[in-house]
PDB file of all heavy atoms in Angstrom:
ATOM      1  N   ASP A   1      24.622   5.540 -13.602  1.00  0.00           N
ATOM      2  CA  ASP A   1      26.052   5.174 -13.727  1.00  0.00           C
ATOM      3  C   ASP A   1      26.281   3.945 -14.573  1.00  0.00           C
ATOM      4  O   ASP A   1      25.253   3.320 -15.077  1.00  0.00           O
ATOM      5  CB  ASP A   1      26.722   4.967 -12.334  1.00  0.00           C
ATOM      6  CG  ASP A   1      26.228   3.706 -11.614  1.00  0.00           C
ATOM      7  OD1 ASP A   1      25.598   2.805 -12.177  1.00  0.00           O
ATOM      8  OD2 ASP A   1      26.496   3.618 -10.374  1.00  0.00           O
ATOM      9  N   ALA A   2      27.487   3.545 -14.795  1.00  0.00           N
ATOM     10  CA  ALA A   2      27.813   2.456 -15.690  1.00  0.00           C
ATOM     11  C   ALA A   2      27.248   1.122 -15.281  1.00  0.00           C
ATOM     12  O   ALA A   2      27.021   0.285 -16.099  1.00  0.00           O
ATOM     13  CB  ALA A   2      29.313   2.341 -15.885  1.00  0.00           C
ATOM     14  N   ASP A   3      26.982   0.949 -13.999  1.00  0.00           N
ATOM     15  CA  ASP A   3      26.441  -0.313 -13.476  1.00  0.00           C
ATOM     16  C   ASP A   3      24.950  -0.356 -13.485  1.00  0.00           C
ATOM     17  O   ASP A   3      24.340  -1.271 -12.968  1.00  0.00           O
ATOM     18  CB  ASP A   3      26.961  -0.565 -12.099  1.00  0.00           C
ATOM     19  CG  ASP A   3      28.448  -0.722 -11.981  1.00  0.00           C
ATOM     20  OD1 ASP A   3      29.021  -1.339 -12.947  1.00  0.00           O
ATOM     21  OD2 ASP A   3      29.114  -0.304 -11.007  1.00  0.00           O
ATOM     22  N   GLY A   4      24.287   0.731 -14.003  1.00  0.00           N
ATOM     23  CA  GLY A   4      22.887   0.694 -14.072  1.00  0.00           C
ATOM     24  C   GLY A   4      22.221   1.217 -12.742  1.00  0.00           C
ATOM     25  O   GLY A   4      20.976   1.064 -12.535  1.00  0.00           O
ATOM     26  N   VAL A   5      23.040   1.777 -11.821  1.00  0.00           N
ATOM     27  CA  VAL A   5      22.511   2.310 -10.576  1.00  0.00           C
ATOM     28  C   VAL A   5      21.997   3.722 -10.821  1.00  0.00           C
ATOM     29  O   VAL A   5      22.761   4.527 -11.330  1.00  0.00           O
ATOM     30  CB  VAL A   5      23.546   2.248  -9.479  1.00  0.00           C
ATOM     31  CG1 VAL A   5      23.001   2.883  -8.145  1.00  0.00           C
ATOM     32  CG2 VAL A   5      24.010   0.774  -9.183  1.00  0.00           C
ATOM     33  N   LEU A   6      20.805   4.038 -10.388  1.00  0.00           N
ATOM     34  CA  LEU A   6      20.232   5.294 -10.613  1.00  0.00           C
ATOM     35  C   LEU A   6      20.220   6.121  -9.302  1.00  0.00           C
ATOM     36  O   LEU A   6      19.884   5.621  -8.244  1.00  0.00           O
ATOM     37  CB  LEU A   6      18.787   5.180 -11.133  1.00  0.00           C
ATOM     38  CG  LEU A   6      18.052   6.415 -11.520  1.00  0.00           C
ATOM     39  CD1 LEU A   6      18.766   7.156 -12.675  1.00  0.00           C
ATOM     40  CD2 LEU A   6      16.595   6.078 -11.940  1.00  0.00           C
ATOM     41  N   SER A   7      20.688   7.420  -9.430  1.00  0.00           N
ATOM     42  CA  SER A   7      20.725   8.292  -8.272  1.00  0.00           C
ATOM     43  C   SER A   7      19.880   9.499  -8.491  1.00  0.00           C
ATOM     44  O   SER A   7      19.874  10.081  -9.545  1.00  0.00           O
ATOM     45  CB  SER A   7      22.186   8.740  -8.049  1.00  0.00           C
ATOM     46  OG  SER A   7      23.002   7.614  -7.828  1.00  0.00           O
ATOM     47  N   VAL A   8      19.198   9.895  -7.464  1.00  0.00           N
ATOM     48  CA  VAL A   8      18.336  11.116  -7.440  1.00  0.00           C
ATOM     49  C   VAL A   8      18.702  11.903  -6.177  1.00  0.00           C
ATOM     50  O   VAL A   8      18.555  11.369  -5.068  1.00  0.00           O
ATOM     51  CB  VAL A   8      16.854  10.872  -7.506  1.00  0.00           C
ATOM     52  CG1 VAL A   8      16.074  12.166  -7.512  1.00  0.00           C
ATOM     53  CG2 VAL A   8      16.510  10.038  -8.782  1.00  0.00           C
ATOM     54  N   ARG A   9      19.166  13.146  -6.396  1.00  0.00           N
ATOM     55  CA  ARG A   9      19.555  13.957  -5.220  1.00  0.00           C
ATOM     56  C   ARG A   9      18.800  15.331  -5.294  1.00  0.00           C
ATOM     57  O   ARG A   9      18.679  15.892  -6.354  1.00  0.00           O
ATOM     58  CB  ARG A   9      20.989  14.184  -5.210  1.00  0.00           C
ATOM     59  CG  ARG A   9      21.546  15.108  -4.041  1.00  0.00           C
ATOM     60  CD  ARG A   9      23.022  15.255  -4.025  1.00  0.00           C
ATOM     61  NE  ARG A   9      23.420  16.193  -3.104  1.00  0.00           N
ATOM     62  CZ  ARG A   9      24.711  16.491  -2.789  1.00  0.00           C
ATOM     63  NH1 ARG A   9      25.651  16.011  -3.519  1.00  0.00           N
ATOM     64  NH2 ARG A   9      24.966  17.481  -1.933  1.00  0.00           N
ATOM     65  N   ASP A  10      18.412  15.823  -4.158  1.00  0.00           N
ATOM     66  CA  ASP A  10      17.853  17.168  -4.077  1.00  0.00           C
ATOM     67  C   ASP A  10      18.471  17.988  -2.980  1.00  0.00           C
ATOM     68  O   ASP A  10      19.185  17.339  -2.104  1.00  0.00           O
ATOM     69  CB  ASP A  10      16.362  17.118  -3.828  1.00  0.00           C
ATOM     70  CG  ASP A  10      15.962  16.502  -2.529  1.00  0.00           C
ATOM     71  OD1 ASP A  10      16.181  17.198  -1.492  1.00  0.00           O
ATOM     72  OD2 ASP A  10      15.388  15.402  -2.452  1.00  0.00           O
ATOM     73  N   ASP A  11      18.368  19.312  -2.984  1.00  0.00           N
ATOM     74  CA  ASP A  11      18.962  20.118  -1.933  1.00  0.00           C
ATOM     75  C   ASP A  11      17.917  20.627  -0.983  1.00  0.00           C
ATOM     76  O   ASP A  11      17.914  21.757  -0.517  1.00  0.00           O
ATOM     77  CB  ASP A  11      19.748  21.267  -2.501  1.00  0.00           C
ATOM     78  CG  ASP A  11      18.920  22.196  -3.390  1.00  0.00           C
ATOM     79  OD1 ASP A  11      17.717  21.869  -3.630  1.00  0.00           O
ATOM     80  OD2 ASP A  11      19.396  23.235  -3.755  1.00  0.00           O
ATOM     81  N   GLY A  12      16.914  19.730  -0.708  1.00  0.00           N
ATOM     82  CA  GLY A  12      15.803  20.097   0.208  1.00  0.00           C
ATOM     83  C   GLY A  12      16.126  19.935   1.633  1.00  0.00           C
ATOM     84  O   GLY A  12      17.340  19.946   2.076  1.00  0.00           O
ATOM     85  N   ARG A  13      15.110  19.679   2.452  1.00  0.00           N
ATOM     86  CA  ARG A  13      15.307  19.664   3.904  1.00  0.00           C
ATOM     87  C   ARG A  13      15.912  18.366   4.373  1.00  0.00           C
ATOM     88  O   ARG A  13      16.521  18.298   5.522  1.00  0.00           O
ATOM     89  CB  ARG A  13      13.913  19.762   4.550  1.00  0.00           C
ATOM     90  CG  ARG A  13      13.276  21.133   4.400  1.00  0.00           C
ATOM     91  CD  ARG A  13      11.848  21.127   4.807  1.00  0.00           C
ATOM     92  NE  ARG A  13      10.993  20.393   3.904  1.00  0.00           N
ATOM     93  CZ  ARG A  13       9.713  20.288   3.991  1.00  0.00           C
ATOM     94  NH1 ARG A  13       9.076  20.877   4.977  1.00  0.00           N
ATOM     95  NH2 ARG A  13       8.976  19.625   3.082  1.00  0.00           N
ATOM     96  N   GLY A  14      15.914  17.279   3.563  1.00  0.00           N
ATOM     97  CA  GLY A  14      16.467  16.031   4.006  1.00  0.00           C
ATOM     98  C   GLY A  14      15.388  15.235   4.756  1.00  0.00           C
ATOM     99  O   GLY A  14      14.702  15.788   5.573  1.00  0.00           O
ATOM    100  N   ILE A  15      15.342  13.892   4.553  1.00  0.00           N
ATOM    101  CA  ILE A  15      14.426  13.087   5.313  1.00  0.00           C
ATOM    102  C   ILE A  15      14.800  13.108   6.797  1.00  0.00           C
ATOM    103  O   ILE A  15      16.014  13.017   7.132  1.00  0.00           O
ATOM    104  CB  ILE A  15      14.508  11.642   4.806  1.00  0.00           C
ATOM    105  CG1 ILE A  15      14.109  11.562   3.276  1.00  0.00           C
ATOM    106  CG2 ILE A  15      13.535  10.695   5.593  1.00  0.00           C
ATOM    107  CD1 ILE A  15      14.244  10.174   2.703  1.00  0.00           C
ATOM    108  N   PRO A  16      13.843  13.275   7.650  1.00  0.00           N
ATOM    109  CA  PRO A  16      14.200  13.261   9.113  1.00  0.00           C
ATOM    110  C   PRO A  16      14.905  12.015   9.568  1.00  0.00           C
ATOM    111  O   PRO A  16      14.585  10.964   9.085  1.00  0.00           O
ATOM    112  CB  PRO A  16      12.766  13.412   9.774  1.00  0.00           C
ATOM    113  CG  PRO A  16      11.937  14.057   8.708  1.00  0.00           C
ATOM    114  CD  PRO A  16      12.444  13.575   7.417  1.00  0.00           C
ATOM    115  N   VAL A  17      15.804  12.125  10.460  1.00  0.00           N
ATOM    116  CA  VAL A  17      16.682  11.039  10.977  1.00  0.00           C
ATOM    117  C   VAL A  17      16.529  10.732  12.402  1.00  0.00           C
ATOM    118  O   VAL A  17      17.065   9.767  12.933  1.00  0.00           O
ATOM    119  CB  VAL A  17      18.164  11.275  10.547  1.00  0.00           C
ATOM    120  CG1 VAL A  17      18.321  11.261   9.040  1.00  0.00           C
ATOM    121  CG2 VAL A  17      18.690  12.509  11.160  1.00  0.00           C
ATOM    122  N   ASP A  18      15.766  11.583  13.126  1.00  0.00           N
ATOM    123  CA  ASP A  18      15.599  11.404  14.556  1.00  0.00           C
ATOM    124  C   ASP A  18      14.748  10.127  14.832  1.00  0.00           C
ATOM    125  O   ASP A  18      13.990   9.688  13.953  1.00  0.00           O
ATOM    126  CB  ASP A  18      14.996  12.672  15.210  1.00  0.00           C
ATOM    127  CG  ASP A  18      13.823  13.194  14.455  1.00  0.00           C
ATOM    128  OD1 ASP A  18      13.929  13.240  13.143  1.00  0.00           O
ATOM    129  OD2 ASP A  18      12.780  13.460  15.040  1.00  0.00           O
ATOM    130  N   PRO A  19      14.757   9.636  16.041  1.00  0.00           N
ATOM    131  CA  PRO A  19      14.019   8.414  16.373  1.00  0.00           C
ATOM    132  C   PRO A  19      12.521   8.681  16.184  1.00  0.00           C
ATOM    133  O   PRO A  19      11.996   9.730  16.533  1.00  0.00           O
ATOM    134  CB  PRO A  19      14.323   8.191  17.845  1.00  0.00           C
ATOM    135  CG  PRO A  19      15.670   8.838  18.108  1.00  0.00           C
ATOM    136  CD  PRO A  19      15.657   9.987  17.204  1.00  0.00           C
ATOM    137  N   HIS A  20      11.817   7.684  15.648  1.00  0.00           N
ATOM    138  CA  HIS A  20      10.400   7.851  15.414  1.00  0.00           C
ATOM    139  C   HIS A  20       9.649   7.485  16.675  1.00  0.00           C
ATOM    140  O   HIS A  20       9.902   6.415  17.291  1.00  0.00           O
ATOM    141  CB  HIS A  20       9.937   6.908  14.275  1.00  0.00           C
ATOM    142  CG  HIS A  20       8.558   7.231  13.719  1.00  0.00           C
ATOM    143  ND1 HIS A  20       7.426   6.852  14.326  1.00  0.00           N
ATOM    144  CD2 HIS A  20       8.203   7.994  12.620  1.00  0.00           C
ATOM    145  CE1 HIS A  20       6.393   7.330  13.676  1.00  0.00           C
ATOM    146  NE2 HIS A  20       6.843   7.987  12.625  1.00  0.00           N
ATOM    147  N   PRO A  21       8.674   8.284  17.111  1.00  0.00           N
ATOM    148  CA  PRO A  21       8.038   8.078  18.377  1.00  0.00           C
ATOM    149  C   PRO A  21       7.158   6.801  18.459  1.00  0.00           C
ATOM    150  O   PRO A  21       7.017   6.265  19.539  1.00  0.00           O
ATOM    151  CB  PRO A  21       7.113   9.347  18.503  1.00  0.00           C
ATOM    152  CG  PRO A  21       7.002   9.893  17.144  1.00  0.00           C
ATOM    153  CD  PRO A  21       8.307   9.561  16.511  1.00  0.00           C
ATOM    154  N   LYS A  22       6.670   6.368  17.272  1.00  0.00           N
ATOM    155  CA  LYS A  22       5.823   5.149  17.295  1.00  0.00           C
ATOM    156  C   LYS A  22       6.597   3.861  17.012  1.00  0.00           C
ATOM    157  O   LYS A  22       6.023   2.773  16.987  1.00  0.00           O
ATOM    158  CB  LYS A  22       4.641   5.312  16.324  1.00  0.00           C
ATOM    159  CG  LYS A  22       3.646   6.410  16.743  1.00  0.00           C
ATOM    160  CD  LYS A  22       2.496   6.362  15.802  1.00  0.00           C
ATOM    161  CE  LYS A  22       1.430   7.454  16.261  1.00  0.00           C
ATOM    162  NZ  LYS A  22       0.283   7.447  15.349  1.00  0.00           N
ATOM    163  N   HIS A  23       7.861   4.009  16.653  1.00  0.00           N
ATOM    164  CA  HIS A  23       8.671   2.862  16.316  1.00  0.00           C
ATOM    165  C   HIS A  23       9.952   2.896  17.105  1.00  0.00           C
ATOM    166  O   HIS A  23      11.061   3.361  16.544  1.00  0.00           O
ATOM    167  CB  HIS A  23       8.914   2.777  14.794  1.00  0.00           C
ATOM    168  CG  HIS A  23       7.726   2.553  13.978  1.00  0.00           C
ATOM    169  ND1 HIS A  23       7.288   1.307  13.595  1.00  0.00           N
ATOM    170  CD2 HIS A  23       6.780   3.498  13.394  1.00  0.00           C
ATOM    171  CE1 HIS A  23       6.223   1.464  12.897  1.00  0.00           C
ATOM    172  NE2 HIS A  23       5.878   2.733  12.789  1.00  0.00           N
ATOM    173  N   PRO A  24       9.962   2.509  18.403  1.00  0.00           N
ATOM    174  CA  PRO A  24      11.147   2.545  19.115  1.00  0.00           C
ATOM    175  C   PRO A  24      12.301   1.788  18.574  1.00  0.00           C
ATOM    176  O   PRO A  24      12.220   0.685  17.991  1.00  0.00           O
ATOM    177  CB  PRO A  24      10.724   1.881  20.466  1.00  0.00           C
ATOM    178  CG  PRO A  24       9.256   1.951  20.506  1.00  0.00           C
ATOM    179  CD  PRO A  24       8.856   1.864  19.072  1.00  0.00           C
TER     180      PRO A  24
END
C-alpha cells in the first residue's frame, strides 16, 4: 500500500486460533 505496508493473504486453512496446550 501507499504507506509501505505489505500484505500477504491466502485462502488456506488459516493459522489455528484455539488455546495452545503448552502455553496456557
